[in-house]
């Protein structure tokens, strides 16, 4: 399922820049903030590219 399909289903997608496949280990503070719902939506609306994670 892609990002658009997830968002259409009501899933909040968070992109964590600088994280790889292990978001919780690569960027633990950002991961915890995302899980707790404390991330800014505008900051997460970035294209997925090298060195970034997919949907969280």
PDB file of N, CA and C in Angstrom:
ATOM      1  N   UNK A   1       0.843  -1.166   0.000  1.00  0.00           N
ATOM      2  CA  UNK A   1       0.000   0.000   0.000  1.00  0.00           C
ATOM      3  C   UNK A   1       0.892   1.234   0.000  1.00  0.00           C
ATOM      4  N   UNK A   2       0.614   2.191  -0.865  1.00  0.00           N
ATOM      5  CA  UNK A   2       1.394   3.409  -0.937  1.00  0.00           C
ATOM      6  C   UNK A   2       0.892   4.474   0.012  1.00  0.00           C
ATOM      7  N   UNK A   3       1.643   5.542   0.088  1.00  0.00           N
ATOM      8  CA  UNK A   3       1.308   6.648   0.985  1.00  0.00           C
ATOM      9  C   UNK A   3      -0.078   7.210   0.730  1.00  0.00           C
ATOM     10  N   UNK A   4      -0.402   7.430  -0.548  1.00  0.00           N
ATOM     11  CA  UNK A   4      -1.696   8.017  -0.881  1.00  0.00           C
ATOM     12  C   UNK A   4      -2.848   7.124  -0.429  1.00  0.00           C
ATOM     13  N   UNK A   5      -2.704   5.816  -0.638  1.00  0.00           N
ATOM     14  CA  UNK A   5      -3.750   4.881  -0.236  1.00  0.00           C
ATOM     15  C   UNK A   5      -3.903   4.851   1.282  1.00  0.00           C
ATOM     16  N   UNK A   6      -2.781   4.889   1.991  1.00  0.00           N
ATOM     17  CA  UNK A   6      -2.838   4.904   3.452  1.00  0.00           C
ATOM     18  C   UNK A   6      -3.539   6.157   3.956  1.00  0.00           C
ATOM     19  N   UNK A   7      -3.171   7.322   3.410  1.00  0.00           N
ATOM     20  CA  UNK A   7      -3.787   8.576   3.838  1.00  0.00           C
ATOM     21  C   UNK A   7      -5.270   8.602   3.487  1.00  0.00           C
ATOM     22  N   UNK A   8      -5.630   8.053   2.330  1.00  0.00           N
ATOM     23  CA  UNK A   8      -7.041   7.999   1.938  1.00  0.00           C
ATOM     24  C   UNK A   8      -7.846   7.133   2.903  1.00  0.00           C
ATOM     25  N   UNK A   9      -7.183   6.157   3.509  1.00  0.00           N
ATOM     26  CA  UNK A   9      -7.845   5.274   4.474  1.00  0.00           C
ATOM     27  C   UNK A   9      -7.848   5.872   5.884  1.00  0.00           C
ATOM     28  N   UNK A  10      -7.300   7.089   6.034  1.00  0.00           N
ATOM     29  CA  UNK A  10      -7.303   7.751   7.329  1.00  0.00           C
ATOM     30  C   UNK A  10      -6.064   7.509   8.170  1.00  0.00           C
ATOM     31  N   UNK A  11      -5.034   6.921   7.574  1.00  0.00           N
ATOM     32  CA  UNK A  11      -3.793   6.654   8.298  1.00  0.00           C
ATOM     33  C   UNK A  11      -2.902   7.888   8.234  1.00  0.00           C
ATOM     34  N   UNK A  12      -2.349   8.296   9.359  1.00  0.00           N
ATOM     35  CA  UNK A  12      -1.418   9.424   9.397  1.00  0.00           C
ATOM     36  C   UNK A  12      -0.039   8.901   9.021  1.00  0.00           C
ATOM     37  N   UNK A  13       0.521   9.419   7.945  1.00  0.00           N
ATOM     38  CA  UNK A  13       1.834   8.997   7.461  1.00  0.00           C
ATOM     39  C   UNK A  13       2.861  10.031   7.893  1.00  0.00           C
ATOM     40  N   UNK A  14       3.935   9.575   8.522  1.00  0.00           N
ATOM     41  CA  UNK A  14       4.987  10.469   8.997  1.00  0.00           C
ATOM     42  C   UNK A  14       6.295  10.049   8.341  1.00  0.00           C
ATOM     43  N   UNK A  15       6.964  10.995   7.697  1.00  0.00           N
ATOM     44  CA  UNK A  15       8.269  10.758   7.111  1.00  0.00           C
ATOM     45  C   UNK A  15       9.319  11.251   8.110  1.00  0.00           C
ATOM     46  N   UNK A  16      10.291  10.415   8.406  1.00  0.00           N
ATOM     47  CA  UNK A  16      11.331  10.781   9.361  1.00  0.00           C
ATOM     48  C   UNK A  16      12.645  10.939   8.596  1.00  0.00           C
ATOM     49  N   UNK A  17      13.003  12.192   8.260  1.00  0.00           N
ATOM     50  CA  UNK A  17      14.253  12.418   7.526  1.00  0.00           C
ATOM     51  C   UNK A  17      15.458  11.899   8.304  1.00  0.00           C
ATOM     52  N   UNK A  18      16.383  11.307   7.576  1.00  0.00           N
ATOM     53  CA  UNK A  18      17.603  10.823   8.194  1.00  0.00           C
ATOM     54  C   UNK A  18      17.485   9.453   8.823  1.00  0.00           C
ATOM     55  N   UNK A  19      16.329   8.818   8.701  1.00  0.00           N
ATOM     56  CA  UNK A  19      16.155   7.482   9.266  1.00  0.00           C
ATOM     57  C   UNK A  19      16.118   6.455   8.147  1.00  0.00           C
ATOM     58  N   UNK A  20      16.581   5.271   8.467  1.00  0.00           N
ATOM     59  CA  UNK A  20      16.542   4.174   7.510  1.00  0.00           C
ATOM     60  C   UNK A  20      15.394   3.241   7.843  1.00  0.00           C
ATOM     61  N   UNK A  21      15.662   1.946   7.771  1.00  0.00           N
ATOM     62  CA  UNK A  21      14.625   0.950   8.020  1.00  0.00           C
ATOM     63  C   UNK A  21      14.280   0.805   9.495  1.00  0.00           C
ATOM     64  N   UNK A  22      15.153   1.214  10.379  1.00  0.00           N
ATOM     65  CA  UNK A  22      14.918   1.102  11.822  1.00  0.00           C
ATOM     66  C   UNK A  22      14.726   2.487  12.419  1.00  0.00           C
ATOM     67  N   UNK A  23      13.592   3.082  12.114  1.00  0.00           N
ATOM     68  CA  UNK A  23      13.319   4.456  12.538  1.00  0.00           C
ATOM     69  C   UNK A  23      13.485   4.623  14.041  1.00  0.00           C
ATOM     70  N   UNK A  24      13.018   3.659  14.807  1.00  0.00           N
ATOM     71  CA  UNK A  24      13.071   3.787  16.264  1.00  0.00           C
ATOM     72  C   UNK A  24      14.487   3.781  16.811  1.00  0.00           C
ATOM     73  N   UNK A  25      15.443   3.228  16.049  1.00  0.00           N
ATOM     74  CA  UNK A  25      16.840   3.241  16.466  1.00  0.00           C
ATOM     75  C   UNK A  25      17.612   4.396  15.840  1.00  0.00           C
ATOM     76  N   UNK A  26      17.289   4.718  14.576  1.00  0.00           N
ATOM     77  CA  UNK A  26      17.998   5.782  13.867  1.00  0.00           C
ATOM     78  C   UNK A  26      17.653   7.167  14.395  1.00  0.00           C
ATOM     79  N   UNK A  27      16.397   7.386  14.706  1.00  0.00           N
ATOM     80  CA  UNK A  27      15.926   8.699  15.182  1.00  0.00           C
ATOM     81  C   UNK A  27      14.932   8.499  16.324  1.00  0.00           C
ATOM     82  N   UNK A  28      15.385   8.020  17.485  1.00  0.00           N
ATOM     83  CA  UNK A  28      14.462   7.662  18.569  1.00  0.00           C
ATOM     84  C   UNK A  28      13.600   8.817  19.072  1.00  0.00           C
ATOM     85  N   UNK A  29      14.145  10.023  19.153  1.00  0.00           N
ATOM     86  CA  UNK A  29      13.349  11.151  19.641  1.00  0.00           C
ATOM     87  C   UNK A  29      12.226  11.501  18.666  1.00  0.00           C
ATOM     88  N   UNK A  30      12.540  11.518  17.375  1.00  0.00           N
ATOM     89  CA  UNK A  30      11.535  11.825  16.369  1.00  0.00           C
ATOM     90  C   UNK A  30      10.492  10.718  16.308  1.00  0.00           C
ATOM     91  N   UNK A  31      10.933   9.469  16.422  1.00  0.00           N
ATOM     92  CA  UNK A  31      10.004   8.340  16.429  1.00  0.00           C
ATOM     93  C   UNK A  31       9.033   8.447  17.605  1.00  0.00           C
ATOM     94  N   UNK A  32       9.563   8.709  18.793  1.00  0.00           N
ATOM     95  CA  UNK A  32       8.713   8.828  19.983  1.00  0.00           C
ATOM     96  C   UNK A  32       7.722   9.980  19.837  1.00  0.00           C
ATOM     97  N   UNK A  33       8.184  11.100  19.289  1.00  0.00           N
ATOM     98  CA  UNK A  33       7.289  12.241  19.085  1.00  0.00           C
ATOM     99  C   UNK A  33       6.190  11.901  18.088  1.00  0.00           C
ATOM    100  N   UNK A  34       6.537  11.166  17.038  1.00  0.00           N
ATOM    101  CA  UNK A  34       5.534  10.785  16.035  1.00  0.00           C
ATOM    102  C   UNK A  34       4.498   9.847  16.633  1.00  0.00           C
ATOM    103  N   UNK A  35       4.944   8.888  17.410  1.00  0.00           N
ATOM    104  CA  UNK A  35       4.021   7.940  18.040  1.00  0.00           C
ATOM    105  C   UNK A  35       3.108   8.670  19.026  1.00  0.00           C
ATOM    106  N   UNK A  36       3.667   9.644  19.720  1.00  0.00           N
ATOM    107  CA  UNK A  36       2.882  10.411  20.687  1.00  0.00           C
ATOM    108  C   UNK A  36       2.025  11.487  20.020  1.00  0.00           C
ATOM    109  N   UNK A  37       2.178  11.649  18.695  1.00  0.00           N
ATOM    110  CA  UNK A  37       1.373  12.636  17.981  1.00  0.00           C
ATOM    111  C   UNK A  37       1.874  14.054  18.127  1.00  0.00           C
ATOM    112  N   UNK A  38       3.162  14.221  18.399  1.00  0.00           N
ATOM    113  CA  UNK A  38       3.698  15.566  18.632  1.00  0.00           C
ATOM    114  C   UNK A  38       4.503  16.107  17.465  1.00  0.00           C
ATOM    115  N   UNK A  39       4.315  15.590  16.265  1.00  0.00           N
ATOM    116  CA  UNK A  39       5.047  16.108  15.110  1.00  0.00           C
ATOM    117  C   UNK A  39       4.174  17.081  14.337  1.00  0.00           C
ATOM    118  N   UNK A  40       4.807  18.021  13.699  1.00  0.00           N
ATOM    119  CA  UNK A  40       4.096  18.981  12.859  1.00  0.00           C
ATOM    120  C   UNK A  40       3.784  18.331  11.528  1.00  0.00           C
ATOM    121  N   UNK A  41       2.572  18.449  11.056  1.00  0.00           N
ATOM    122  CA  UNK A  41       2.184  17.837   9.789  1.00  0.00           C
ATOM    123  C   UNK A  41       2.998  18.409   8.638  1.00  0.00           C
ATOM    124  N   UNK A  42       3.215  19.713   8.604  1.00  0.00           N
ATOM    125  CA  UNK A  42       3.942  20.315   7.492  1.00  0.00           C
ATOM    126  C   UNK A  42       5.390  19.822   7.425  1.00  0.00           C
ATOM    127  N   UNK A  43       5.980  19.511   8.557  1.00  0.00           N
ATOM    128  CA  UNK A  43       7.361  19.049   8.583  1.00  0.00           C
ATOM    129  C   UNK A  43       7.476  17.623   8.065  1.00  0.00           C
ATOM    130  N   UNK A  44       6.386  16.882   8.043  1.00  0.00           N
ATOM    131  CA  UNK A  44       6.440  15.489   7.623  1.00  0.00           C
ATOM    132  C   UNK A  44       6.051  15.307   6.169  1.00  0.00           C
ATOM    133  N   UNK A  45       5.615  16.340   5.517  1.00  0.00           N
ATOM    134  CA  UNK A  45       5.181  16.229   4.134  1.00  0.00           C
ATOM    135  C   UNK A  45       6.357  16.462   3.186  1.00  0.00           C
ATOM    136  N   UNK A  46       7.313  15.567   3.257  1.00  0.00           N
ATOM    137  CA  UNK A  46       8.512  15.642   2.443  1.00  0.00           C
ATOM    138  C   UNK A  46       8.577  14.399   1.569  1.00  0.00           C
ATOM    139  N   UNK A  47       9.199  14.534   0.428  1.00  0.00           N
ATOM    140  CA  UNK A  47       9.362  13.396  -0.461  1.00  0.00           C
ATOM    141  C   UNK A  47      10.294  12.375   0.159  1.00  0.00           C
ATOM    142  N   UNK A  48       9.997  11.125  -0.058  1.00  0.00           N
ATOM    143  CA  UNK A  48      10.855  10.060   0.434  1.00  0.00           C
ATOM    144  C   UNK A  48      12.014   9.928  -0.538  1.00  0.00           C
ATOM    145  N   UNK A  49      13.216   9.977  -0.029  1.00  0.00           N
ATOM    146  CA  UNK A  49      14.409   9.849  -0.860  1.00  0.00           C
ATOM    147  C   UNK A  49      15.461   9.038  -0.136  1.00  0.00           C
ATOM    148  N   UNK A  50      16.654   8.990  -0.680  1.00  0.00           N
ATOM    149  CA  UNK A  50      17.722   8.224  -0.053  1.00  0.00           C
ATOM    150  C   UNK A  50      17.979   8.694   1.384  1.00  0.00           C
ATOM    151  N   UNK A  51      18.108   7.753   2.286  1.00  0.00           N
ATOM    152  CA  UNK A  51      18.398   8.097   3.668  1.00  0.00           C
ATOM    153  C   UNK A  51      17.182   8.487   4.476  1.00  0.00           C
ATOM    154  N   UNK A  52      15.991   8.311   3.925  1.00  0.00           N
ATOM    155  CA  UNK A  52      14.782   8.636   4.679  1.00  0.00           C
ATOM    156  C   UNK A  52      13.926   7.401   4.776  1.00  0.00           C
ATOM    157  N   UNK A  53      13.002   7.431   5.700  1.00  0.00           N
ATOM    158  CA  UNK A  53      12.137   6.284   5.874  1.00  0.00           C
ATOM    159  C   UNK A  53      10.874   6.439   5.036  1.00  0.00           C
ATOM    160  N   UNK A  54      10.164   5.369   4.953  1.00  0.00           N
ATOM    161  CA  UNK A  54       8.853   5.406   4.324  1.00  0.00           C
ATOM    162  C   UNK A  54       7.817   5.720   5.384  1.00  0.00           C
ATOM    163  N   UNK A  55       6.574   5.353   5.152  1.00  0.00           N
ATOM    164  CA  UNK A  55       5.523   5.635   6.129  1.00  0.00           C
ATOM    165  C   UNK A  55       5.846   5.019   7.462  1.00  0.00           C
ATOM    166  N   UNK A  56       5.527   5.730   8.488  1.00  0.00           N
ATOM    167  CA  UNK A  56       5.761   5.274   9.834  1.00  0.00           C
ATOM    168  C   UNK A  56       4.459   4.765  10.392  1.00  0.00           C
TER     169      UNK A  56
END
